[in-house]
């Protein structure tokens, strides 16, 4: 592998390979299901039922977007407060000394 950082971290490489395998498996299953629907004679009825299910899912799960956005904003606020408490000057001194203690 061209990137030396990834080759020294076998756990990260393994996780990446598993993620690629899962995505590939998902795409294969999805395409098989789509191809199974093509010759089906009752396709308009199936699409009507799928439409009803999707509308219901949007109606039920729609208000939950606020939980995700609140979690992300809370995390951002927490990291902002933690960075302020630590002080920016300590961070710049550490970089100027190249990590060496005085």
PDB file of N, CA and C in Angstrom:
ATOM      1  N   UNK A   1       0.853  -1.176   0.000  1.00  0.00           N
ATOM      2  CA  UNK A   1       0.000   0.000   0.000  1.00  0.00           C
ATOM      3  C   UNK A   1       0.891   1.229   0.000  1.00  0.00           C
ATOM      4  N   UNK A   2       0.495   2.239  -0.726  1.00  0.00           N
ATOM      5  CA  UNK A   2       1.306   3.444  -0.877  1.00  0.00           C
ATOM      6  C   UNK A   2       1.363   4.257   0.407  1.00  0.00           C
ATOM      7  N   UNK A   3       0.293   4.250   1.169  1.00  0.00           N
ATOM      8  CA  UNK A   3       0.242   5.057   2.385  1.00  0.00           C
ATOM      9  C   UNK A   3       0.844   4.252   3.532  1.00  0.00           C
ATOM     10  N   UNK A   4       1.977   4.700   4.062  1.00  0.00           N
ATOM     11  CA  UNK A   4       2.654   3.977   5.121  1.00  0.00           C
ATOM     12  C   UNK A   4       1.922   4.013   6.444  1.00  0.00           C
ATOM     13  N   UNK A   5       1.131   5.064   6.674  1.00  0.00           N
ATOM     14  CA  UNK A   5       0.423   5.165   7.946  1.00  0.00           C
ATOM     15  C   UNK A   5      -0.608   4.056   8.089  1.00  0.00           C
ATOM     16  N   UNK A   6      -1.319   3.741   7.023  1.00  0.00           N
ATOM     17  CA  UNK A   6      -2.350   2.713   7.110  1.00  0.00           C
ATOM     18  C   UNK A   6      -1.760   1.318   7.201  1.00  0.00           C
ATOM     19  N   UNK A   7      -0.598   1.093   6.603  1.00  0.00           N
ATOM     20  CA  UNK A   7      -0.011  -0.236   6.647  1.00  0.00           C
ATOM     21  C   UNK A   7       0.536  -0.562   8.037  1.00  0.00           C
ATOM     22  N   UNK A   8       0.852   0.440   8.839  1.00  0.00           N
ATOM     23  CA  UNK A   8       1.335   0.189  10.195  1.00  0.00           C
ATOM     24  C   UNK A   8       0.201  -0.010  11.183  1.00  0.00           C
ATOM     25  N   UNK A   9      -1.038   0.243  10.765  1.00  0.00           N
ATOM     26  CA  UNK A   9      -2.182   0.110  11.666  1.00  0.00           C
ATOM     27  C   UNK A   9      -3.106  -0.969  11.121  1.00  0.00           C
ATOM     28  N   UNK A  10      -2.843  -2.243  11.474  1.00  0.00           N
ATOM     29  CA  UNK A  10      -3.645  -3.325  10.894  1.00  0.00           C
ATOM     30  C   UNK A  10      -5.107  -3.283  11.345  1.00  0.00           C
ATOM     31  N   UNK A  11      -5.396  -2.745  12.509  1.00  0.00           N
ATOM     32  CA  UNK A  11      -6.785  -2.655  12.970  1.00  0.00           C
ATOM     33  C   UNK A  11      -7.610  -1.730  12.099  1.00  0.00           C
ATOM     34  N   UNK A  12      -7.019  -0.609  11.724  1.00  0.00           N
ATOM     35  CA  UNK A  12      -7.710   0.345  10.856  1.00  0.00           C
ATOM     36  C   UNK A  12      -7.895  -0.232   9.460  1.00  0.00           C
ATOM     37  N   UNK A  13      -6.892  -0.918   8.984  1.00  0.00           N
ATOM     38  CA  UNK A  13      -6.989  -1.525   7.656  1.00  0.00           C
ATOM     39  C   UNK A  13      -8.067  -2.605   7.646  1.00  0.00           C
ATOM     40  N   UNK A  14      -8.121  -3.406   8.676  1.00  0.00           N
ATOM     41  CA  UNK A  14      -9.129  -4.462   8.764  1.00  0.00           C
ATOM     42  C   UNK A  14     -10.531  -3.859   8.842  1.00  0.00           C
ATOM     43  N   UNK A  15     -10.698  -2.793   9.615  1.00  0.00           N
ATOM     44  CA  UNK A  15     -12.003  -2.139   9.725  1.00  0.00           C
ATOM     45  C   UNK A  15     -12.430  -1.570   8.382  1.00  0.00           C
ATOM     46  N   UNK A  16     -11.481  -1.007   7.648  1.00  0.00           N
ATOM     47  CA  UNK A  16     -11.799  -0.460   6.329  1.00  0.00           C
ATOM     48  C   UNK A  16     -12.217  -1.559   5.361  1.00  0.00           C
ATOM     49  N   UNK A  17     -11.528  -2.698   5.405  1.00  0.00           N
ATOM     50  CA  UNK A  17     -11.887  -3.811   4.529  1.00  0.00           C
ATOM     51  C   UNK A  17     -13.258  -4.372   4.874  1.00  0.00           C
ATOM     52  N   UNK A  18     -13.569  -4.444   6.162  1.00  0.00           N
ATOM     53  CA  UNK A  18     -14.888  -4.921   6.578  1.00  0.00           C
ATOM     54  C   UNK A  18     -15.973  -3.955   6.121  1.00  0.00           C
ATOM     55  N   UNK A  19     -15.710  -2.654   6.234  1.00  0.00           N
ATOM     56  CA  UNK A  19     -16.689  -1.658   5.783  1.00  0.00           C
ATOM     57  C   UNK A  19     -16.916  -1.761   4.281  1.00  0.00           C
ATOM     58  N   UNK A  20     -15.858  -1.936   3.507  1.00  0.00           N
ATOM     59  CA  UNK A  20     -16.013  -2.109   2.060  1.00  0.00           C
ATOM     60  C   UNK A  20     -16.800  -3.369   1.744  1.00  0.00           C
ATOM     61  N   UNK A  21     -16.517  -4.455   2.467  1.00  0.00           N
ATOM     62  CA  UNK A  21     -17.232  -5.709   2.225  1.00  0.00           C
ATOM     63  C   UNK A  21     -18.713  -5.568   2.552  1.00  0.00           C
ATOM     64  N   UNK A  22     -19.027  -4.881   3.650  1.00  0.00           N
ATOM     65  CA  UNK A  22     -20.429  -4.685   4.013  1.00  0.00           C
ATOM     66  C   UNK A  22     -21.154  -3.814   2.999  1.00  0.00           C
ATOM     67  N   UNK A  23     -20.496  -2.771   2.515  1.00  0.00           N
ATOM     68  CA  UNK A  23     -21.117  -1.917   1.496  1.00  0.00           C
ATOM     69  C   UNK A  23     -21.353  -2.695   0.205  1.00  0.00           C
ATOM     70  N   UNK A  24     -20.393  -3.517  -0.179  1.00  0.00           N
ATOM     71  CA  UNK A  24     -20.554  -4.331  -1.382  1.00  0.00           C
ATOM     72  C   UNK A  24     -21.695  -5.315  -1.216  1.00  0.00           C
ATOM     73  N   UNK A  25     -21.761  -5.961  -0.061  1.00  0.00           N
ATOM     74  CA  UNK A  25     -22.852  -6.900   0.202  1.00  0.00           C
ATOM     75  C   UNK A  25     -24.200  -6.199   0.158  1.00  0.00           C
ATOM     76  N   UNK A  26     -24.280  -5.016   0.735  1.00  0.00           N
ATOM     77  CA  UNK A  26     -25.531  -4.256   0.707  1.00  0.00           C
ATOM     78  C   UNK A  26     -25.936  -3.927  -0.724  1.00  0.00           C
ATOM     79  N   UNK A  27     -25.000  -3.516  -1.554  1.00  0.00           N
ATOM     80  CA  UNK A  27     -25.325  -3.186  -2.937  1.00  0.00           C
ATOM     81  C   UNK A  27     -25.772  -4.423  -3.723  1.00  0.00           C
ATOM     82  N   UNK A  28     -25.162  -5.553  -3.468  1.00  0.00           N
ATOM     83  CA  UNK A  28     -25.571  -6.783  -4.150  1.00  0.00           C
ATOM     84  C   UNK A  28     -26.987  -7.170  -3.746  1.00  0.00           C
ATOM     85  N   UNK A  29     -27.280  -7.118  -2.453  1.00  0.00           N
ATOM     86  CA  UNK A  29     -28.630  -7.460  -1.983  1.00  0.00           C
ATOM     87  C   UNK A  29     -29.653  -6.480  -2.545  1.00  0.00           C
ATOM     88  N   UNK A  30     -29.336  -5.207  -2.526  1.00  0.00           N
ATOM     89  CA  UNK A  30     -30.251  -4.190  -3.033  1.00  0.00           C
ATOM     90  C   UNK A  30     -30.532  -4.404  -4.518  1.00  0.00           C
ATOM     91  N   UNK A  31     -29.512  -4.682  -5.297  1.00  0.00           N
ATOM     92  CA  UNK A  31     -29.718  -4.904  -6.723  1.00  0.00           C
ATOM     93  C   UNK A  31     -30.502  -6.184  -6.990  1.00  0.00           C
ATOM     94  N   UNK A  32     -30.289  -7.225  -6.187  1.00  0.00           N
ATOM     95  CA  UNK A  32     -31.070  -8.453  -6.358  1.00  0.00           C
ATOM     96  C   UNK A  32     -32.553  -8.202  -6.082  1.00  0.00           C
ATOM     97  N   UNK A  33     -32.840  -7.435  -5.062  1.00  0.00           N
ATOM     98  CA  UNK A  33     -34.241  -7.122  -4.748  1.00  0.00           C
ATOM     99  C   UNK A  33     -34.856  -6.291  -5.869  1.00  0.00           C
ATOM    100  N   UNK A  34     -34.128  -5.320  -6.376  1.00  0.00           N
ATOM    101  CA  UNK A  34     -34.649  -4.509  -7.479  1.00  0.00           C
ATOM    102  C   UNK A  34     -34.887  -5.344  -8.727  1.00  0.00           C
ATOM    103  N   UNK A  35     -33.976  -6.256  -9.030  1.00  0.00           N
ATOM    104  CA  UNK A  35     -34.160  -7.122 -10.197  1.00  0.00           C
ATOM    105  C   UNK A  35     -35.311  -8.110  -9.997  1.00  0.00           C
ATOM    106  N   UNK A  36     -35.588  -8.459  -8.755  1.00  0.00           N
ATOM    107  CA  UNK A  36     -36.712  -9.353  -8.502  1.00  0.00           C
ATOM    108  C   UNK A  36     -38.036  -8.632  -8.725  1.00  0.00           C
ATOM    109  N   UNK A  37     -38.071  -7.333  -8.541  1.00  0.00           N
ATOM    110  CA  UNK A  37     -39.306  -6.576  -8.746  1.00  0.00           C
ATOM    111  C   UNK A  37     -39.611  -6.298 -10.219  1.00  0.00           C
ATOM    112  N   UNK A  38     -38.619  -6.346 -11.081  1.00  0.00           N
ATOM    113  CA  UNK A  38     -38.824  -5.995 -12.486  1.00  0.00           C
ATOM    114  C   UNK A  38     -39.847  -6.904 -13.168  1.00  0.00           C
ATOM    115  N   UNK A  39     -39.742  -8.225 -13.084  1.00  0.00           N
ATOM    116  CA  UNK A  39     -40.714  -9.053 -13.801  1.00  0.00           C
ATOM    117  C   UNK A  39     -42.033  -9.253 -13.050  1.00  0.00           C
ATOM    118  N   UNK A  40     -42.159  -8.634 -11.911  1.00  0.00           N
ATOM    119  CA  UNK A  40     -43.345  -8.861 -11.097  1.00  0.00           C
ATOM    120  C   UNK A  40     -44.557  -8.218 -11.772  1.00  0.00           C
ATOM    121  N   UNK A  41     -45.660  -8.956 -11.838  1.00  0.00           N
ATOM    122  CA  UNK A  41     -46.837  -8.455 -12.557  1.00  0.00           C
ATOM    123  C   UNK A  41     -47.610  -7.429 -11.749  1.00  0.00           C
ATOM    124  N   UNK A  42     -47.518  -7.486 -10.440  1.00  0.00           N
ATOM    125  CA  UNK A  42     -48.257  -6.540  -9.596  1.00  0.00           C
ATOM    126  C   UNK A  42     -47.363  -5.398  -9.133  1.00  0.00           C
ATOM    127  N   UNK A  43     -46.578  -4.877 -10.008  1.00  0.00           N
ATOM    128  CA  UNK A  43     -45.645  -3.807  -9.652  1.00  0.00           C
ATOM    129  C   UNK A  43     -46.343  -2.528  -9.210  1.00  0.00           C
ATOM    130  N   UNK A  44     -47.438  -2.073  -9.857  1.00  0.00           N
ATOM    131  CA  UNK A  44     -48.097  -0.850  -9.372  1.00  0.00           C
ATOM    132  C   UNK A  44     -48.626  -0.985  -7.947  1.00  0.00           C
ATOM    133  N   UNK A  45     -49.126  -2.157  -7.598  1.00  0.00           N
ATOM    134  CA  UNK A  45     -49.609  -2.369  -6.237  1.00  0.00           C
ATOM    135  C   UNK A  45     -48.453  -2.326  -5.236  1.00  0.00           C
ATOM    136  N   UNK A  46     -47.317  -2.915  -5.619  1.00  0.00           N
ATOM    137  CA  UNK A  46     -46.147  -2.911  -4.729  1.00  0.00           C
ATOM    138  C   UNK A  46     -45.612  -1.499  -4.542  1.00  0.00           C
ATOM    139  N   UNK A  47     -45.569  -0.716  -5.603  1.00  0.00           N
ATOM    140  CA  UNK A  47     -45.068   0.651  -5.450  1.00  0.00           C
ATOM    141  C   UNK A  47     -46.025   1.507  -4.625  1.00  0.00           C
ATOM    142  N   UNK A  48     -47.328   1.232  -4.742  1.00  0.00           N
ATOM    143  CA  UNK A  48     -48.289   1.965  -3.918  1.00  0.00           C
ATOM    144  C   UNK A  48     -48.100   1.625  -2.445  1.00  0.00           C
ATOM    145  N   UNK A  49     -47.886   0.341  -2.148  1.00  0.00           N
ATOM    146  CA  UNK A  49     -47.653  -0.073  -0.761  1.00  0.00           C
ATOM    147  C   UNK A  49     -46.328   0.491  -0.231  1.00  0.00           C
ATOM    148  N   UNK A  50     -45.297   0.488  -1.068  1.00  0.00           N
ATOM    149  CA  UNK A  50     -44.010   1.054  -0.647  1.00  0.00           C
ATOM    150  C   UNK A  50     -44.147   2.546  -0.393  1.00  0.00           C
ATOM    151  N   UNK A  51     -44.953   3.215  -1.200  1.00  0.00           N
ATOM    152  CA  UNK A  51     -45.192   4.646  -1.002  1.00  0.00           C
ATOM    153  C   UNK A  51     -45.872   4.904   0.329  1.00  0.00           C
ATOM    154  N   UNK A  52     -46.839   4.074   0.674  1.00  0.00           N
ATOM    155  CA  UNK A  52     -47.536   4.231   1.951  1.00  0.00           C
ATOM    156  C   UNK A  52     -46.577   4.007   3.115  1.00  0.00           C
ATOM    157  N   UNK A  53     -45.737   2.982   3.007  1.00  0.00           N
ATOM    158  CA  UNK A  53     -44.783   2.684   4.079  1.00  0.00           C
ATOM    159  C   UNK A  53     -43.777   3.831   4.229  1.00  0.00           C
ATOM    160  N   UNK A  54     -43.279   4.364   3.113  1.00  0.00           N
ATOM    161  CA  UNK A  54     -42.318   5.461   3.189  1.00  0.00           C
ATOM    162  C   UNK A  54     -42.938   6.731   3.767  1.00  0.00           C
ATOM    163  N   UNK A  55     -44.168   7.021   3.388  1.00  0.00           N
ATOM    164  CA  UNK A  55     -44.833   8.201   3.951  1.00  0.00           C
ATOM    165  C   UNK A  55     -45.021   8.057   5.454  1.00  0.00           C
ATOM    166  N   UNK A  56     -45.376   6.853   5.891  1.00  0.00           N
ATOM    167  CA  UNK A  56     -45.540   6.603   7.328  1.00  0.00           C
ATOM    168  C   UNK A  56     -44.204   6.752   8.054  1.00  0.00           C
ATOM    169  N   UNK A  57     -43.145   6.221   7.462  1.00  0.00           N
ATOM    170  CA  UNK A  57     -41.820   6.324   8.089  1.00  0.00           C
ATOM    171  C   UNK A  57     -41.382   7.783   8.205  1.00  0.00           C
ATOM    172  N   UNK A  58     -41.633   8.570   7.174  1.00  0.00           N
ATOM    173  CA  UNK A  58     -41.274   9.991   7.231  1.00  0.00           C
ATOM    174  C   UNK A  58     -42.090  10.710   8.291  1.00  0.00           C
ATOM    175  N   UNK A  59     -43.353  10.364   8.387  1.00  0.00           N
ATOM    176  CA  UNK A  59     -44.219  10.993   9.378  1.00  0.00           C
ATOM    177  C   UNK A  59     -43.777  10.655  10.803  1.00  0.00           C
ATOM    178  N   UNK A  60     -43.399   9.409  11.028  1.00  0.00           N
ATOM    179  CA  UNK A  60     -43.022   8.975  12.377  1.00  0.00           C
ATOM    180  C   UNK A  60     -41.606   9.427  12.732  1.00  0.00           C
ATOM    181  N   UNK A  61     -40.662   9.277  11.791  1.00  0.00           N
ATOM    182  CA  UNK A  61     -39.265   9.559  12.091  1.00  0.00           C
ATOM    183  C   UNK A  61     -38.852  10.995  11.787  1.00  0.00           C
ATOM    184  N   UNK A  62     -39.713  11.761  11.141  1.00  0.00           N
ATOM    185  CA  UNK A  62     -39.382  13.134  10.787  1.00  0.00           C
ATOM    186  C   UNK A  62     -39.000  14.013  11.960  1.00  0.00           C
ATOM    187  N   UNK A  63     -39.760  13.998  13.044  1.00  0.00           N
ATOM    188  CA  UNK A  63     -39.404  14.869  14.172  1.00  0.00           C
ATOM    189  C   UNK A  63     -38.106  14.478  14.885  1.00  0.00           C
ATOM    190  N   UNK A  64     -37.541  13.311  14.589  1.00  0.00           N
ATOM    191  CA  UNK A  64     -36.340  12.867  15.297  1.00  0.00           C
ATOM    192  C   UNK A  64     -35.065  13.558  14.807  1.00  0.00           C
ATOM    193  N   UNK A  65     -35.144  14.329  13.726  1.00  0.00           N
ATOM    194  CA  UNK A  65     -33.943  15.010  13.248  1.00  0.00           C
ATOM    195  C   UNK A  65     -33.435  15.999  14.286  1.00  0.00           C
ATOM    196  N   UNK A  66     -34.329  16.488  15.118  1.00  0.00           N
ATOM    197  CA  UNK A  66     -33.929  17.467  16.132  1.00  0.00           C
ATOM    198  C   UNK A  66     -32.994  16.843  17.169  1.00  0.00           C
ATOM    199  N   UNK A  67     -33.162  15.541  17.448  1.00  0.00           N
ATOM    200  CA  UNK A  67     -32.271  14.879  18.404  1.00  0.00           C
ATOM    201  C   UNK A  67     -30.847  14.800  17.865  1.00  0.00           C
ATOM    202  N   UNK A  68     -30.709  14.447  16.601  1.00  0.00           N
ATOM    203  CA  UNK A  68     -29.372  14.378  16.004  1.00  0.00           C
ATOM    204  C   UNK A  68     -28.699  15.733  15.942  1.00  0.00           C
ATOM    205  N   UNK A  69     -29.456  16.745  15.539  1.00  0.00           N
ATOM    206  CA  UNK A  69     -28.856  18.073  15.461  1.00  0.00           C
ATOM    207  C   UNK A  69     -28.521  18.613  16.852  1.00  0.00           C
ATOM    208  N   UNK A  70     -29.338  18.305  17.856  1.00  0.00           N
ATOM    209  CA  UNK A  70     -29.026  18.742  19.218  1.00  0.00           C
ATOM    210  C   UNK A  70     -27.770  18.051  19.735  1.00  0.00           C
ATOM    211  N   UNK A  71     -27.600  16.785  19.406  1.00  0.00           N
ATOM    212  CA  UNK A  71     -26.396  16.069  19.833  1.00  0.00           C
ATOM    213  C   UNK A  71     -25.153  16.654  19.178  1.00  0.00           C
ATOM    214  N   UNK A  72     -25.224  16.957  17.895  1.00  0.00           N
ATOM    215  CA  UNK A  72     -24.073  17.523  17.194  1.00  0.00           C
ATOM    216  C   UNK A  72     -23.741  18.917  17.722  1.00  0.00           C
ATOM    217  N   UNK A  73     -24.764  19.734  17.941  1.00  0.00           N
ATOM    218  CA  UNK A  73     -24.516  21.076  18.477  1.00  0.00           C
ATOM    219  C   UNK A  73     -23.976  21.011  19.905  1.00  0.00           C
ATOM    220  N   UNK A  74     -24.477  20.078  20.699  1.00  0.00           N
ATOM    221  CA  UNK A  74     -23.967  19.906  22.061  1.00  0.00           C
ATOM    222  C   UNK A  74     -22.513  19.484  22.066  1.00  0.00           C
ATOM    223  N   UNK A  75     -22.167  18.559  21.176  1.00  0.00           N
ATOM    224  CA  UNK A  75     -20.772  18.126  21.077  1.00  0.00           C
ATOM    225  C   UNK A  75     -19.879  19.278  20.637  1.00  0.00           C
ATOM    226  N   UNK A  76     -20.322  20.066  19.673  1.00  0.00           N
ATOM    227  CA  UNK A  76     -19.525  21.194  19.205  1.00  0.00           C
ATOM    228  C   UNK A  76     -19.344  22.230  20.315  1.00  0.00           C
ATOM    229  N   UNK A  77     -20.397  22.499  21.066  1.00  0.00           N
ATOM    230  CA  UNK A  77     -20.310  23.457  22.164  1.00  0.00           C
ATOM    231  C   UNK A  77     -19.371  22.948  23.248  1.00  0.00           C
ATOM    232  N   UNK A  78     -19.441  21.646  23.551  1.00  0.00           N
ATOM    233  CA  UNK A  78     -18.574  21.062  24.566  1.00  0.00           C
ATOM    234  C   UNK A  78     -17.106  21.167  24.158  1.00  0.00           C
ATOM    235  N   UNK A  79     -16.782  20.864  22.899  1.00  0.00           N
ATOM    236  CA  UNK A  79     -15.391  20.963  22.464  1.00  0.00           C
ATOM    237  C   UNK A  79     -14.923  22.412  22.435  1.00  0.00           C
ATOM    238  N   UNK A  80     -15.816  23.324  22.101  1.00  0.00           N
ATOM    239  CA  UNK A  80     -15.458  24.738  22.118  1.00  0.00           C
ATOM    240  C   UNK A  80     -15.132  25.187  23.532  1.00  0.00           C
ATOM    241  N   UNK A  81     -15.948  24.771  24.515  1.00  0.00           N
ATOM    242  CA  UNK A  81     -15.688  25.131  25.908  1.00  0.00           C
ATOM    243  C   UNK A  81     -14.411  24.484  26.421  1.00  0.00           C
ATOM    244  N   UNK A  82     -14.150  23.232  26.047  1.00  0.00           N
ATOM    245  CA  UNK A  82     -12.940  22.555  26.504  1.00  0.00           C
ATOM    246  C   UNK A  82     -11.700  23.212  25.913  1.00  0.00           C
ATOM    247  N   UNK A  83     -11.770  23.655  24.687  1.00  0.00           N
ATOM    248  CA  UNK A  83     -10.635  24.323  24.063  1.00  0.00           C
ATOM    249  C   UNK A  83     -10.381  25.666  24.733  1.00  0.00           C
ATOM    250  N   UNK A  84     -11.427  26.384  25.073  1.00  0.00           N
ATOM    251  CA  UNK A  84     -11.272  27.660  25.748  1.00  0.00           C
ATOM    252  C   UNK A  84     -10.678  27.478  27.144  1.00  0.00           C
ATOM    253  N   UNK A  85     -11.091  26.436  27.850  1.00  0.00           N
ATOM    254  CA  UNK A  85     -10.605  26.219  29.207  1.00  0.00           C
ATOM    255  C   UNK A  85      -9.121  25.861  29.209  1.00  0.00           C
ATOM    256  N   UNK A  86      -8.670  25.165  28.196  1.00  0.00           N
ATOM    257  CA  UNK A  86      -7.276  24.749  28.143  1.00  0.00           C
ATOM    258  C   UNK A  86      -6.363  25.918  27.807  1.00  0.00           C
ATOM    259  N   UNK A  87      -6.873  26.832  27.045  1.00  0.00           N
ATOM    260  CA  UNK A  87      -6.080  28.008  26.693  1.00  0.00           C
ATOM    261  C   UNK A  87      -5.342  27.819  25.378  1.00  0.00           C
ATOM    262  N   UNK A  88      -5.422  28.802  24.541  1.00  0.00           N
ATOM    263  CA  UNK A  88      -4.781  28.719  23.237  1.00  0.00           C
ATOM    264  C   UNK A  88      -3.282  28.919  23.372  1.00  0.00           C
ATOM    265  N   UNK A  89      -2.850  29.684  24.369  1.00  0.00           N
ATOM    266  CA  UNK A  89      -1.419  29.949  24.515  1.00  0.00           C
ATOM    267  C   UNK A  89      -0.655  28.676  24.854  1.00  0.00           C
ATOM    268  N   UNK A  90      -1.239  27.798  25.650  1.00  0.00           N
ATOM    269  CA  UNK A  90      -0.567  26.543  25.985  1.00  0.00           C
ATOM    270  C   UNK A  90      -0.372  25.706  24.723  1.00  0.00           C
ATOM    271  N   UNK A  91      -1.320  25.771  23.827  1.00  0.00           N
ATOM    272  CA  UNK A  91      -1.218  24.996  22.597  1.00  0.00           C
ATOM    273  C   UNK A  91      -0.113  25.535  21.704  1.00  0.00           C
ATOM    274  N   UNK A  92       0.023  26.847  21.600  1.00  0.00           N
ATOM    275  CA  UNK A  92       1.060  27.418  20.741  1.00  0.00           C
ATOM    276  C   UNK A  92       2.441  27.207  21.338  1.00  0.00           C
ATOM    277  N   UNK A  93       2.576  27.270  22.675  1.00  0.00           N
ATOM    278  CA  UNK A  93       3.872  27.017  23.301  1.00  0.00           C
ATOM    279  C   UNK A  93       4.305  25.583  23.057  1.00  0.00           C
ATOM    280  N   UNK A  94       3.377  24.665  23.124  1.00  0.00           N
ATOM    281  CA  UNK A  94       3.698  23.264  22.896  1.00  0.00           C
ATOM    282  C   UNK A  94       4.217  23.069  21.466  1.00  0.00           C
ATOM    283  N   UNK A  95       3.617  23.758  20.525  1.00  0.00           N
ATOM    284  CA  UNK A  95       4.060  23.640  19.150  1.00  0.00           C
ATOM    285  C   UNK A  95       5.421  24.302  18.948  1.00  0.00           C
ATOM    286  N   UNK A  96       5.689  25.408  19.636  1.00  0.00           N
ATOM    287  CA  UNK A  96       6.963  26.096  19.471  1.00  0.00           C
ATOM    288  C   UNK A  96       8.102  25.275  20.070  1.00  0.00           C
ATOM    289  N   UNK A  97       7.857  24.551  21.146  1.00  0.00           N
ATOM    290  CA  UNK A  97       8.890  23.747  21.783  1.00  0.00           C
ATOM    291  C   UNK A  97       8.979  22.356  21.191  1.00  0.00           C
ATOM    292  N   UNK A  98       8.176  22.065  20.213  1.00  0.00           N
ATOM    293  CA  UNK A  98       8.181  20.764  19.560  1.00  0.00           C
ATOM    294  C   UNK A  98       7.951  19.625  20.545  1.00  0.00           C
ATOM    295  N   UNK A  99       7.131  19.881  21.545  1.00  0.00           N
ATOM    296  CA  UNK A  99       6.743  18.830  22.471  1.00  0.00           C
ATOM    297  C   UNK A  99       7.717  18.604  23.610  1.00  0.00           C
ATOM    298  N   UNK A 100       8.759  19.372  23.691  1.00  0.00           N
ATOM    299  CA  UNK A 100       9.729  19.176  24.773  1.00  0.00           C
ATOM    300  C   UNK A 100       9.305  19.983  26.002  1.00  0.00           C
ATOM    301  N   UNK A 101       9.429  19.375  27.151  1.00  0.00           N
ATOM    302  CA  UNK A 101       9.129  20.093  28.389  1.00  0.00           C
ATOM    303  C   UNK A 101      10.310  20.988  28.739  1.00  0.00           C
ATOM    304  N   UNK A 102       9.997  22.089  29.413  1.00  0.00           N
ATOM    305  CA  UNK A 102      11.071  23.025  29.781  1.00  0.00           C
ATOM    306  C   UNK A 102      11.730  22.628  31.065  1.00  0.00           C
TER     307      UNK A 102
END
